Amino acid sequence: MYYYPVSAVLTECLILSVVEQQDSYGYEISQTVKMVASIKESTLYPILRKLETGGYLTTYSEEFQGRKRKYYSITEEGRSHLEYLRKEWREYRDTIDDIVEGRLRK
């Protein structure tokens, strides 16, 4: 399977979508996102920090097998931002589909 590089905005959408389903820690998020996109953890963590700083995610720590894990949780503002990103994604996807399927003419 070929993995396409993704933009930071699409990565934000993927991250927020994962965390919307359940609170998650960084490695878990990265493994889910890597199922569809080529992303390095060195790219992921700055985006997680940006989302946290922007008020879209909050964090808390929990102990797991003697180590602390930092979990990310989506905020109401994050849910609103995710809905906006999903709308943008649908419009982008529909335009790509129109081009690929020959429905878009100049």
N, C-alpha and C. Protein backbone atom coordinates (compact mmCIF):
# COMPACT_ATOMS: atom_id res chain seq x y z
N MET A 1 0.85 -1.18 0.00
CA MET A 1 0.00 0.00 0.00
C MET A 1 0.89 1.24 0.00
N TYR A 2 0.53 2.22 -0.79
CA TYR A 2 1.27 3.48 -0.85
C TYR A 2 0.63 4.47 0.11
N TYR A 3 1.46 5.14 0.88
CA TYR A 3 0.96 6.15 1.81
C TYR A 3 1.30 7.51 1.27
N TYR A 4 0.32 8.36 1.15
CA TYR A 4 0.52 9.70 0.64
C TYR A 4 0.94 10.64 1.76
N PRO A 5 1.85 11.58 1.45
CA PRO A 5 2.16 12.58 2.47
C PRO A 5 0.91 13.42 2.72
N VAL A 6 0.73 13.84 3.95
CA VAL A 6 -0.47 14.62 4.28
C VAL A 6 -0.06 15.97 4.83
N SER A 7 -0.92 16.94 4.64
CA SER A 7 -0.66 18.28 5.13
C SER A 7 -0.89 18.32 6.65
N ALA A 8 -0.38 19.38 7.26
CA ALA A 8 -0.56 19.56 8.70
C ALA A 8 -2.05 19.68 9.04
N VAL A 9 -2.82 20.34 8.18
CA VAL A 9 -4.25 20.51 8.45
C VAL A 9 -4.97 19.16 8.40
N LEU A 10 -4.64 18.34 7.44
CA LEU A 10 -5.26 17.01 7.38
C LEU A 10 -4.83 16.18 8.58
N THR A 11 -3.58 16.33 8.98
CA THR A 11 -3.09 15.62 10.17
C THR A 11 -3.87 16.06 11.40
N GLU A 12 -4.16 17.36 11.51
CA GLU A 12 -4.99 17.86 12.62
C GLU A 12 -6.34 17.16 12.60
N CYS A 13 -6.94 17.07 11.44
CA CYS A 13 -8.25 16.43 11.30
C CYS A 13 -8.18 14.97 11.73
N LEU A 14 -7.14 14.26 11.30
CA LEU A 14 -6.99 12.86 11.67
C LEU A 14 -6.80 12.71 13.18
N ILE A 15 -5.96 13.54 13.76
CA ILE A 15 -5.70 13.47 15.21
C ILE A 15 -6.98 13.74 15.99
N LEU A 16 -7.68 14.82 15.65
CA LEU A 16 -8.90 15.15 16.37
C LEU A 16 -9.95 14.05 16.20
N SER A 17 -10.00 13.44 15.03
CA SER A 17 -10.95 12.34 14.80
C SER A 17 -10.64 11.15 15.68
N VAL A 18 -9.35 10.83 15.84
CA VAL A 18 -8.95 9.72 16.70
C VAL A 18 -9.32 10.02 18.15
N VAL A 19 -8.98 11.21 18.60
CA VAL A 19 -9.21 11.57 20.01
C VAL A 19 -10.70 11.76 20.30
N GLU A 20 -11.46 12.11 19.28
CA GLU A 20 -12.91 12.24 19.48
C GLU A 20 -13.51 10.90 19.87
N GLN A 21 -12.99 9.81 19.32
CA GLN A 21 -13.50 8.48 19.62
C GLN A 21 -13.21 8.06 21.05
N GLN A 22 -11.99 8.36 21.51
CA GLN A 22 -11.62 8.08 22.90
C GLN A 22 -10.31 8.80 23.21
N ASP A 23 -10.13 9.17 24.46
CA ASP A 23 -8.87 9.77 24.88
C ASP A 23 -7.74 8.84 24.50
N SER A 24 -6.65 9.39 24.01
CA SER A 24 -5.54 8.58 23.52
C SER A 24 -4.21 9.22 23.88
N TYR A 25 -3.16 8.41 23.92
CA TYR A 25 -1.82 8.92 24.15
C TYR A 25 -1.08 9.00 22.81
N GLY A 26 0.01 9.73 22.79
CA GLY A 26 0.71 10.05 21.54
C GLY A 26 1.03 8.87 20.66
N TYR A 27 1.64 7.83 21.23
CA TYR A 27 2.03 6.67 20.42
C TYR A 27 0.80 6.01 19.80
N GLU A 28 -0.26 5.89 20.58
CA GLU A 28 -1.49 5.28 20.08
C GLU A 28 -2.07 6.10 18.93
N ILE A 29 -2.06 7.42 19.07
CA ILE A 29 -2.54 8.30 18.00
C ILE A 29 -1.68 8.11 16.75
N SER A 30 -0.36 8.10 16.95
CA SER A 30 0.54 7.98 15.79
C SER A 30 0.32 6.67 15.05
N GLN A 31 0.09 5.59 15.76
CA GLN A 31 -0.12 4.29 15.11
C GLN A 31 -1.41 4.28 14.31
N THR A 32 -2.43 4.94 14.80
CA THR A 32 -3.70 5.01 14.06
C THR A 32 -3.53 5.86 12.81
N VAL A 33 -2.90 7.02 12.96
CA VAL A 33 -2.70 7.92 11.81
C VAL A 33 -1.80 7.25 10.77
N LYS A 34 -0.80 6.51 11.22
CA LYS A 34 0.11 5.83 10.28
C LYS A 34 -0.59 4.78 9.44
N MET A 35 -1.78 4.35 9.82
CA MET A 35 -2.52 3.39 9.02
C MET A 35 -2.91 3.99 7.67
N VAL A 36 -3.02 5.31 7.59
CA VAL A 36 -3.44 5.95 6.35
C VAL A 36 -2.47 6.99 5.82
N ALA A 37 -1.50 7.39 6.63
CA ALA A 37 -0.60 8.47 6.21
C ALA A 37 0.81 8.21 6.68
N SER A 38 1.73 8.68 5.89
CA SER A 38 3.14 8.60 6.28
C SER A 38 3.43 9.80 7.18
N ILE A 39 3.59 9.56 8.46
CA ILE A 39 3.86 10.64 9.41
C ILE A 39 4.88 10.16 10.42
N LYS A 40 5.79 11.04 10.75
CA LYS A 40 6.81 10.72 11.75
C LYS A 40 6.38 11.30 13.08
N GLU A 41 6.83 10.69 14.16
CA GLU A 41 6.49 11.21 15.47
C GLU A 41 7.04 12.62 15.67
N SER A 42 8.15 12.93 14.99
CA SER A 42 8.71 14.29 15.09
C SER A 42 7.79 15.32 14.45
N THR A 43 6.89 14.88 13.59
CA THR A 43 5.87 15.76 13.01
C THR A 43 4.61 15.77 13.87
N LEU A 44 4.26 14.62 14.40
CA LEU A 44 3.03 14.48 15.17
C LEU A 44 3.02 15.32 16.45
N TYR A 45 4.08 15.24 17.23
CA TYR A 45 4.06 15.89 18.54
C TYR A 45 3.95 17.41 18.47
N PRO A 46 4.61 18.08 17.52
CA PRO A 46 4.37 19.53 17.41
C PRO A 46 2.92 19.87 17.07
N ILE A 47 2.27 19.03 16.26
CA ILE A 47 0.86 19.27 15.93
C ILE A 47 -0.01 19.04 17.17
N LEU A 48 0.30 18.01 17.95
CA LEU A 48 -0.43 17.79 19.21
C LEU A 48 -0.29 19.01 20.13
N ARG A 49 0.93 19.54 20.25
CA ARG A 49 1.15 20.73 21.09
C ARG A 49 0.37 21.93 20.56
N LYS A 50 0.37 22.09 19.23
CA LYS A 50 -0.37 23.19 18.62
C LYS A 50 -1.86 23.07 18.93
N LEU A 51 -2.40 21.87 18.81
CA LEU A 51 -3.82 21.65 19.11
C LEU A 51 -4.13 21.91 20.58
N GLU A 52 -3.19 21.54 21.45
CA GLU A 52 -3.38 21.79 22.88
C GLU A 52 -3.31 23.29 23.18
N THR A 53 -2.32 23.96 22.62
CA THR A 53 -2.16 25.40 22.81
C THR A 53 -3.37 26.16 22.26
N GLY A 54 -3.92 25.67 21.16
CA GLY A 54 -5.09 26.31 20.55
C GLY A 54 -6.39 26.06 21.29
N GLY A 55 -6.35 25.22 22.31
CA GLY A 55 -7.56 24.94 23.08
C GLY A 55 -8.42 23.83 22.51
N TYR A 56 -7.89 23.09 21.52
CA TYR A 56 -8.66 22.01 20.90
C TYR A 56 -8.50 20.68 21.64
N LEU A 57 -7.40 20.54 22.36
CA LEU A 57 -7.13 19.35 23.15
C LEU A 57 -6.71 19.75 24.56
N THR A 58 -7.03 18.90 25.51
CA THR A 58 -6.47 19.03 26.86
C THR A 58 -5.70 17.75 27.14
N THR A 59 -4.87 17.77 28.16
CA THR A 59 -4.08 16.59 28.49
C THR A 59 -4.21 16.25 29.97
N TYR A 60 -3.96 15.01 30.26
CA TYR A 60 -3.87 14.54 31.65
C TYR A 60 -2.93 13.34 31.65
N SER A 61 -2.36 13.04 32.79
CA SER A 61 -1.43 11.92 32.91
C SER A 61 -2.08 10.78 33.66
N GLU A 62 -1.72 9.57 33.25
CA GLU A 62 -2.18 8.36 33.92
C GLU A 62 -1.03 7.38 33.95
N GLU A 63 -0.93 6.65 35.04
CA GLU A 63 0.14 5.67 35.14
C GLU A 63 -0.27 4.38 34.42
N PHE A 64 0.70 3.83 33.69
CA PHE A 64 0.50 2.57 32.98
C PHE A 64 1.78 1.77 33.10
N GLN A 65 1.70 0.62 33.73
CA GLN A 65 2.85 -0.26 33.94
C GLN A 65 4.05 0.50 34.52
N GLY A 66 3.76 1.31 35.53
CA GLY A 66 4.81 2.02 36.25
C GLY A 66 5.32 3.29 35.58
N ARG A 67 4.77 3.63 34.44
CA ARG A 67 5.19 4.85 33.74
C ARG A 67 4.00 5.76 33.53
N LYS A 68 4.27 7.06 33.47
CA LYS A 68 3.19 8.02 33.21
C LYS A 68 2.99 8.16 31.71
N ARG A 69 1.73 8.15 31.32
CA ARG A 69 1.36 8.41 29.92
C ARG A 69 0.57 9.71 29.87
N LYS A 70 0.85 10.50 28.86
CA LYS A 70 0.12 11.74 28.64
C LYS A 70 -1.02 11.45 27.66
N TYR A 71 -2.23 11.60 28.15
CA TYR A 71 -3.42 11.36 27.33
C TYR A 71 -3.97 12.68 26.81
N TYR A 72 -4.50 12.63 25.61
CA TYR A 72 -5.11 13.79 24.98
C TYR A 72 -6.62 13.58 24.94
N SER A 73 -7.33 14.66 25.24
CA SER A 73 -8.78 14.64 25.26
C SER A 73 -9.29 15.84 24.45
N ILE A 74 -10.31 15.63 23.64
CA ILE A 74 -10.84 16.72 22.80
C ILE A 74 -11.74 17.64 23.63
N THR A 75 -11.67 18.92 23.35
CA THR A 75 -12.51 19.92 24.03
C THR A 75 -13.71 20.23 23.14
N GLU A 76 -14.64 21.01 23.66
CA GLU A 76 -15.79 21.44 22.85
C GLU A 76 -15.30 22.29 21.68
N GLU A 77 -14.31 23.14 21.93
CA GLU A 77 -13.74 23.94 20.85
C GLU A 77 -13.08 23.01 19.81
N GLY A 78 -12.47 21.95 20.28
CA GLY A 78 -11.88 20.96 19.39
C GLY A 78 -12.92 20.26 18.54
N ARG A 79 -14.07 19.97 19.12
CA ARG A 79 -15.16 19.34 18.36
C ARG A 79 -15.66 20.28 17.26
N SER A 80 -15.77 21.56 17.59
CA SER A 80 -16.20 22.55 16.58
C SER A 80 -15.18 22.65 15.46
N HIS A 81 -13.90 22.68 15.84
CA HIS A 81 -12.83 22.77 14.84
C HIS A 81 -12.83 21.51 13.96
N LEU A 82 -13.06 20.37 14.57
CA LEU A 82 -13.11 19.12 13.81
C LEU A 82 -14.26 19.14 12.81
N GLU A 83 -15.40 19.64 13.19
CA GLU A 83 -16.52 19.73 12.25
C GLU A 83 -16.16 20.63 11.07
N TYR A 84 -15.49 21.75 11.34
CA TYR A 84 -15.03 22.64 10.28
C TYR A 84 -14.06 21.90 9.35
N LEU A 85 -13.08 21.18 9.94
CA LEU A 85 -12.11 20.44 9.14
C LEU A 85 -12.77 19.34 8.32
N ARG A 86 -13.75 18.69 8.89
CA ARG A 86 -14.48 17.65 8.14
C ARG A 86 -15.22 18.24 6.95
N LYS A 87 -15.82 19.40 7.13
CA LYS A 87 -16.51 20.09 6.03
C LYS A 87 -15.51 20.43 4.93
N GLU A 88 -14.38 20.98 5.31
CA GLU A 88 -13.33 21.31 4.33
C GLU A 88 -12.85 20.05 3.61
N TRP A 89 -12.66 18.95 4.36
CA TRP A 89 -12.22 17.70 3.77
C TRP A 89 -13.23 17.20 2.74
N ARG A 90 -14.51 17.23 3.08
CA ARG A 90 -15.54 16.75 2.16
C ARG A 90 -15.53 17.56 0.85
N GLU A 91 -15.39 18.88 0.97
CA GLU A 91 -15.36 19.72 -0.23
C GLU A 91 -14.13 19.40 -1.08
N TYR A 92 -12.98 19.23 -0.44
CA TYR A 92 -11.74 18.88 -1.14
C TYR A 92 -11.88 17.52 -1.81
N ARG A 93 -12.37 16.52 -1.07
CA ARG A 93 -12.55 15.17 -1.60
C ARG A 93 -13.51 15.16 -2.79
N ASP A 94 -14.60 15.91 -2.66
CA ASP A 94 -15.58 15.95 -3.74
C ASP A 94 -14.99 16.57 -5.00
N THR A 95 -14.17 17.60 -4.84
CA THR A 95 -13.52 18.23 -6.00
C THR A 95 -12.55 17.26 -6.65
N ILE A 96 -11.76 16.55 -5.85
CA ILE A 96 -10.84 15.56 -6.39
C ILE A 96 -11.62 14.47 -7.13
N ASP A 97 -12.71 13.99 -6.53
CA ASP A 97 -13.54 12.98 -7.19
C ASP A 97 -14.06 13.50 -8.53
N ASP A 98 -14.50 14.75 -8.56
CA ASP A 98 -15.01 15.33 -9.81
C ASP A 98 -13.93 15.36 -10.88
N ILE A 99 -12.70 15.70 -10.51
CA ILE A 99 -11.61 15.73 -11.47
C ILE A 99 -11.28 14.32 -11.95
N VAL A 100 -11.10 13.40 -11.02
CA VAL A 100 -10.71 12.03 -11.35
C VAL A 100 -11.78 11.34 -12.20
N GLU A 101 -13.03 11.61 -11.91
CA GLU A 101 -14.11 10.95 -12.62
C GLU A 101 -14.61 11.73 -13.83
N GLY A 102 -13.91 12.83 -14.17
CA GLY A 102 -14.22 13.58 -15.39
C GLY A 102 -15.45 14.45 -15.32
N ARG A 103 -15.90 14.77 -14.13
CA ARG A 103 -17.10 15.61 -14.00
C ARG A 103 -16.79 17.10 -13.94
N LEU A 104 -15.54 17.45 -13.75
CA LEU A 104 -15.17 18.87 -13.62
C LEU A 104 -14.61 19.37 -14.93
N ARG A 105 -15.21 20.39 -15.45
CA ARG A 105 -14.77 21.00 -16.72
C ARG A 105 -14.48 22.47 -16.46
N LYS A 106 -13.49 22.97 -17.19
CA LYS A 106 -13.15 24.41 -17.07
C LYS A 106 -14.14 25.25 -17.81
